[in-house]
Amino acid sequence: MKIFFLILLILVVAVTVALWFWRQSDHTADRAVITGLATLQPAAPERFDLALLEGLPEPAQRYFRYTIQPGTPLYTVARISMNGKFGMGNRESPDYVHMQATQVLAMPEGFIWKMSAHRGLLGISGSDTDQWTRFWLMGLFPVARAGGDADHARSAFGRYVAEAVFWTPAALLPGPGVSWKLVDINTARVVVRHEGMEQAVDVVVAGDGRPLQVSFDRWTNANAEKVHRLQPFGGYLSEFREFEGFVLPTQVEAGNFFATEDYFPFFIARVTGIEFPKHDATGHPE
């Protein structure tokens, strides 16, 4: 009997150590993505000039005039810190947990959202990127691992194009792969094309150009059938603050089936900081 318990103890320790090393490998991969995205920041960015808006639909011009102040360096990579609530359930039973997260956003190349959440003694943490979704319970037990396929990449692309409207408007100025269309007097549609993917996002702006809501058809399997298909997704933006010449929302609510009776805002975040990674004298991210 003693030998049995000794063997069992050795097995438990071996599995625990193996899981710990697995978790550390995820952290290493996260750091590599964060560093890689930061290197995409323009080292000597152009400065914002209203002449860049010539030919855009009027609501789009309004949007850029509000979100980017004249003379602002056009940084396209942002590091966002946030806290708030994340819904683990559904509309009828949201099952919100309190979360903290950091995100590096580098549209159109990619993003990483690194989150931790707790309910009592239970904690969940992990990361979501254009390449994977990986979350762990108590930092030791893998509870979600997905990605690495075309469905995941397409779904993630929709997410970070929309979030560029929130937090990196300079990345959406007209240029290769980015175009704008008029929808109505207060709505413009940005269309982003990158590496065979295409995403259209509608932006509703106020009279002063402040973006009020963002909506788009997202490729997702967040439905009862768990089948990937296009579904309404979107959210509301509020509480704007200035960050290094950009005027950006610090309150975001978003979810599936936006503007329908099934809308479930599973993501409710309050931004605590936005930074734009710079390059040092050697050209490396600071």
Protein backbone atom coordinates (compact mmCIF):
# COMPACT_ATOMS: atom_id res chain seq x y z
CA MET A 1 0.00 0.00 0.00
CA LYS A 2 2.84 2.39 0.82
CA ILE A 3 4.44 1.66 -2.53
CA PHE A 4 1.12 2.41 -4.26
CA PHE A 5 0.79 5.80 -2.57
CA LEU A 6 4.44 6.59 -3.31
CA ILE A 7 3.94 5.82 -7.00
CA LEU A 8 0.74 7.88 -7.00
CA LEU A 9 2.55 10.80 -5.38
CA ILE A 10 5.35 10.60 -7.94
CA LEU A 11 2.81 10.60 -10.77
CA VAL A 12 0.96 13.62 -9.32
CA VAL A 13 4.20 15.54 -8.94
CA ALA A 14 5.34 14.60 -12.45
CA VAL A 15 2.03 15.69 -14.00
CA THR A 16 2.04 18.93 -12.00
CA VAL A 17 5.57 19.75 -13.11
CA ALA A 18 4.73 18.93 -16.72
CA LEU A 19 1.67 21.19 -16.61
CA TRP A 20 3.72 23.98 -15.03
CA PHE A 21 6.29 23.80 -17.84
CA TRP A 22 3.47 23.74 -20.40
CA ARG A 23 2.03 26.89 -18.86
CA GLN A 24 5.45 28.58 -18.95
CA SER A 25 5.78 27.74 -22.63
CA ASP A 26 2.50 29.60 -23.22
CA HIS A 27 3.89 32.63 -21.36
CA THR A 28 7.01 32.47 -23.55
CA ALA A 29 4.88 32.39 -26.69
CA ASP A 30 2.84 35.35 -25.40
CA ARG A 31 5.99 37.40 -24.81
CA ALA A 32 7.26 36.60 -28.31
CA VAL A 33 3.99 37.81 -29.86
CA ILE A 34 3.99 40.98 -27.75
CA THR A 35 7.55 41.80 -28.80
CA GLY A 36 6.87 41.00 -32.45
CA LEU A 37 3.78 43.20 -32.60
CA ALA A 38 5.60 46.09 -30.91
CA THR A 39 8.28 46.02 -33.63
CA LEU A 40 5.57 46.88 -36.18
CA GLN A 41 5.26 50.38 -34.75
CA PRO A 42 6.50 52.97 -37.27
CA ALA A 43 9.87 54.27 -36.05
CA ALA A 44 9.34 57.74 -37.53
CA PRO A 45 5.59 58.03 -38.16
CA GLU A 46 4.01 60.68 -40.34
CA ARG A 47 2.05 63.32 -38.45
CA PHE A 48 -1.69 63.75 -38.84
CA ASP A 49 -2.81 66.38 -41.32
CA LEU A 50 -6.38 67.04 -42.39
CA ALA A 51 -5.23 66.73 -46.01
CA LEU A 52 -5.06 62.96 -45.40
CA LEU A 53 -8.87 62.94 -45.21
CA GLU A 54 -9.54 64.29 -48.68
CA GLY A 55 -12.03 62.15 -50.57
CA LEU A 56 -13.30 60.27 -47.50
CA PRO A 57 -17.05 60.09 -46.73
CA GLU A 58 -18.07 62.95 -44.45
CA PRO A 59 -18.82 60.74 -41.38
CA ALA A 60 -15.36 59.16 -41.75
CA GLN A 61 -13.75 62.60 -41.90
CA ARG A 62 -15.68 63.54 -38.78
CA TYR A 63 -14.45 60.38 -37.04
CA PHE A 64 -10.79 61.08 -37.79
CA ARG A 65 -11.02 64.77 -36.90
CA TYR A 66 -12.35 63.78 -33.48
CA THR A 67 -10.04 60.85 -32.73
CA ILE A 68 -6.71 62.27 -34.00
CA GLN A 69 -5.54 65.78 -33.20
CA PRO A 70 -3.58 67.68 -35.88
CA GLY A 71 0.15 67.03 -35.68
CA THR A 72 -0.20 63.75 -33.78
CA PRO A 73 2.38 61.09 -34.77
CA LEU A 74 0.43 58.35 -36.56
CA TYR A 75 1.21 55.42 -34.31
CA THR A 76 -0.58 52.27 -35.45
CA VAL A 77 0.38 49.92 -32.58
CA ALA A 78 -1.12 50.38 -29.11
CA ARG A 79 -0.77 48.71 -25.73
CA ILE A 80 -4.06 48.86 -23.81
CA SER A 81 -4.59 48.10 -20.11
CA MET A 82 -8.12 47.38 -18.91
CA ASN A 83 -10.32 45.86 -16.27
CA GLY A 84 -14.01 45.05 -16.16
CA LYS A 85 -16.35 42.11 -16.57
CA PHE A 86 -16.28 39.10 -18.89
CA GLY A 87 -19.39 36.98 -19.36
CA MET A 88 -18.84 33.23 -19.18
CA GLY A 89 -22.52 32.40 -19.68
CA ASN A 90 -25.30 33.68 -21.92
CA ARG A 91 -27.91 36.43 -22.09
CA GLU A 92 -30.20 34.75 -19.56
CA SER A 93 -27.36 33.89 -17.17
CA PRO A 94 -24.33 36.12 -17.94
CA ASP A 95 -22.08 34.60 -15.26
CA TYR A 96 -19.79 37.62 -15.23
CA VAL A 97 -16.32 37.38 -13.73
CA HIS A 98 -14.10 40.33 -12.89
CA MET A 99 -11.14 40.53 -15.22
CA GLN A 100 -7.93 42.42 -15.81
CA ALA A 101 -6.18 42.38 -19.15
CA THR A 102 -3.53 43.91 -21.35
CA GLN A 103 -3.70 43.98 -25.11
CA VAL A 104 -1.28 44.81 -27.89
CA LEU A 105 -3.10 45.78 -31.07
CA ALA A 106 -1.30 46.01 -34.41
CA MET A 107 -3.93 46.03 -37.13
CA PRO A 108 -3.78 44.52 -39.77
CA GLU A 109 -1.00 42.17 -38.63
CA GLY A 110 -2.47 40.85 -35.40
CA PHE A 111 -3.15 41.28 -31.69
CA ILE A 112 -2.77 39.63 -28.31
CA TRP A 113 -5.17 39.94 -25.38
CA LYS A 114 -3.71 38.57 -22.13
CA MET A 115 -6.36 38.21 -19.41
CA SER A 116 -6.78 37.00 -15.86
CA ALA A 117 -10.09 36.70 -14.01
CA HIS A 118 -11.15 35.49 -10.59
CA ARG A 119 -14.25 34.37 -8.75
CA GLY A 120 -13.48 33.65 -5.14
CA LEU A 121 -10.55 31.26 -5.01
CA LEU A 122 -10.96 30.16 -8.61
CA GLY A 123 -8.93 31.93 -11.26
CA ILE A 124 -8.74 31.70 -15.02
CA SER A 125 -5.99 33.20 -17.14
CA GLY A 126 -4.58 32.99 -20.61
CA SER A 127 -4.39 34.73 -23.94
CA ASP A 128 -6.32 35.25 -27.13
CA THR A 129 -4.53 36.09 -30.40
CA ASP A 130 -5.08 35.83 -34.13
CA GLN A 131 -3.24 32.51 -33.86
CA TRP A 132 -4.71 30.85 -30.78
CA THR A 133 -7.03 30.89 -27.76
CA ARG A 134 -5.41 29.40 -24.64
CA PHE A 135 -6.86 29.59 -21.13
CA TRP A 136 -5.94 27.90 -17.88
CA LEU A 137 -7.75 27.25 -14.60
CA MET A 138 -5.71 28.20 -11.53
CA GLY A 139 -2.72 28.62 -13.83
CA LEU A 140 -2.30 24.86 -13.96
CA PHE A 141 -5.17 23.14 -15.78
CA PRO A 142 -5.81 23.83 -19.49
CA VAL A 143 -9.51 24.53 -20.04
CA ALA A 144 -9.55 26.02 -23.56
CA ARG A 145 -7.14 25.53 -26.44
CA ALA A 146 -8.20 26.45 -29.93
CA GLY A 147 -6.93 28.17 -33.05
CA GLY A 148 -4.40 27.51 -35.75
CA ASP A 149 -7.01 27.26 -38.51
CA ALA A 150 -8.74 29.48 -41.04
CA ASP A 151 -11.93 29.85 -38.98
CA HIS A 152 -10.03 31.17 -35.99
CA ALA A 153 -7.95 33.56 -38.11
CA ARG A 154 -11.04 34.95 -39.84
CA SER A 155 -12.91 35.43 -36.57
CA ALA A 156 -9.92 37.12 -34.94
CA PHE A 157 -9.44 39.40 -37.96
CA GLY A 158 -12.96 40.76 -37.52
CA ARG A 159 -12.28 41.42 -33.86
CA TYR A 160 -9.08 43.38 -34.24
CA VAL A 161 -10.22 45.38 -37.25
CA ALA A 162 -13.18 46.55 -35.15
CA GLU A 163 -10.96 47.25 -32.15
CA ALA A 164 -8.71 49.39 -34.33
CA VAL A 165 -11.73 51.70 -34.63
CA PHE A 166 -11.66 51.92 -30.83
CA TRP A 167 -7.97 52.30 -30.10
CA THR A 168 -5.74 52.71 -33.20
CA PRO A 169 -7.55 55.03 -35.63
CA ALA A 170 -4.28 55.85 -37.41
CA ALA A 171 -4.19 52.24 -38.67
CA LEU A 172 -7.48 52.90 -40.49
CA LEU A 173 -6.47 55.96 -42.48
CA PRO A 174 -6.98 55.31 -46.21
CA GLY A 175 -4.15 53.44 -47.85
CA PRO A 176 -3.22 50.00 -49.19
CA GLY A 177 -5.84 47.53 -47.97
CA VAL A 178 -8.01 50.17 -46.27
CA SER A 179 -10.97 51.95 -47.86
CA TRP A 180 -14.07 53.80 -46.64
CA LYS A 181 -17.67 53.95 -47.89
CA LEU A 182 -20.65 56.11 -46.98
CA VAL A 183 -23.57 54.30 -45.30
CA ASP A 184 -25.71 57.23 -44.16
CA ILE A 185 -25.37 60.73 -42.78
CA ASN A 186 -23.81 59.51 -39.50
CA THR A 187 -22.36 56.14 -40.51
CA ALA A 188 -19.27 55.18 -42.46
CA ARG A 189 -18.00 51.71 -43.35
CA VAL A 190 -14.32 50.83 -43.30
CA VAL A 191 -13.23 47.82 -45.35
CA VAL A 192 -9.87 46.20 -44.55
CA ARG A 193 -8.21 43.59 -46.75
CA HIS A 194 -5.15 41.67 -45.61
CA GLU A 195 -3.61 38.36 -46.69
CA GLY A 196 -6.75 37.10 -48.39
CA MET A 197 -9.12 38.20 -45.62
CA GLU A 198 -11.64 41.03 -45.81
CA GLN A 199 -13.65 42.69 -43.05
CA ALA A 200 -16.17 45.53 -43.22
CA VAL A 201 -16.99 47.46 -40.04
CA ASP A 202 -19.66 50.16 -39.66
CA VAL A 203 -18.93 53.15 -37.41
CA VAL A 204 -21.74 55.42 -36.17
CA VAL A 205 -20.49 58.87 -35.18
CA ALA A 206 -22.01 61.80 -33.28
CA GLY A 207 -22.22 65.31 -34.65
CA ASP A 208 -18.74 66.08 -33.33
CA GLY A 209 -17.30 62.88 -34.83
CA ARG A 210 -17.17 60.90 -31.61
CA PRO A 211 -17.67 57.19 -32.47
CA LEU A 212 -20.74 55.94 -30.63
CA GLN A 213 -21.03 52.36 -31.79
CA VAL A 214 -19.28 49.84 -33.99
CA SER A 215 -20.94 46.88 -35.69
CA PHE A 216 -20.02 44.20 -38.20
CA ASP A 217 -20.78 40.66 -39.32
CA ARG A 218 -18.31 38.41 -37.54
CA TRP A 219 -17.31 34.89 -38.52
CA THR A 220 -17.96 32.92 -35.32
CA ASN A 221 -19.32 29.71 -33.83
CA ALA A 222 -20.82 31.50 -30.80
CA ASN A 223 -24.25 30.03 -31.42
CA ALA A 224 -26.35 27.12 -30.21
CA GLU A 225 -25.24 24.94 -33.13
CA LYS A 226 -21.53 25.73 -32.60
CA VAL A 227 -21.21 26.22 -36.34
CA HIS A 228 -19.04 28.96 -37.85
CA ARG A 229 -21.11 31.54 -39.71
CA LEU A 230 -21.50 35.29 -40.05
CA GLN A 231 -23.40 36.84 -37.13
CA PRO A 232 -24.02 40.40 -35.92
CA PHE A 233 -21.39 41.62 -33.50
CA GLY A 234 -20.74 45.05 -32.07
CA GLY A 235 -20.74 47.39 -29.16
CA TYR A 236 -20.95 50.85 -27.66
CA LEU A 237 -18.13 53.31 -26.94
CA SER A 238 -18.07 56.07 -24.31
CA GLU A 239 -15.99 58.06 -21.80
CA PHE A 240 -13.35 59.41 -24.19
CA ARG A 241 -9.92 60.59 -23.07
CA GLU A 242 -6.85 61.92 -24.80
CA PHE A 243 -3.78 59.67 -25.12
CA GLU A 244 -0.75 61.26 -26.81
CA GLY A 245 -2.93 63.19 -29.26
CA PHE A 246 -5.51 60.44 -29.82
CA VAL A 247 -8.99 60.80 -28.30
CA LEU A 248 -10.16 57.28 -27.52
CA PRO A 249 -12.95 55.49 -25.61
CA THR A 250 -12.22 54.17 -22.15
CA GLN A 251 -15.57 52.40 -21.71
CA VAL A 252 -16.44 49.60 -24.15
CA GLU A 253 -19.37 47.20 -24.12
CA ALA A 254 -19.55 44.55 -26.85
CA GLY A 255 -21.08 41.21 -27.64
CA ASN A 256 -22.72 38.78 -30.01
CA PHE A 257 -26.00 39.38 -31.88
CA PHE A 258 -25.57 43.14 -31.62
CA ALA A 259 -28.72 45.21 -32.31
CA THR A 260 -30.97 42.13 -31.98
CA GLU A 261 -33.12 40.83 -29.12
CA ASP A 262 -30.43 38.20 -28.49
CA TYR A 263 -27.65 40.73 -27.86
CA PHE A 264 -25.39 39.61 -25.02
CA PRO A 265 -22.66 42.08 -23.94
CA PHE A 266 -20.15 39.57 -22.64
CA PHE A 267 -17.28 42.08 -22.77
CA ILE A 268 -17.55 45.18 -20.56
CA ALA A 269 -14.22 46.94 -20.15
CA ARG A 270 -12.89 50.11 -18.61
CA VAL A 271 -9.55 51.18 -20.06
CA THR A 272 -6.99 52.23 -17.46
CA GLY A 273 -4.22 53.17 -19.86
CA ILE A 274 -3.20 53.32 -23.52
CA GLU A 275 0.41 53.56 -24.66
CA PHE A 276 2.05 53.54 -28.06
CA PRO A 277 5.30 51.51 -27.94
CA LYS A 278 8.28 53.49 -29.22
CA HIS A 279 11.61 52.42 -30.69
CA ASP A 280 14.93 53.09 -28.96
CA ALA A 281 18.05 54.39 -30.67
CA THR A 282 18.85 50.90 -32.00
CA GLY A 283 15.41 50.50 -33.57
CA HIS A 284 14.16 48.01 -30.99
CA PRO A 285 10.86 48.48 -29.08
CA GLU A 286 11.32 50.24 -25.75
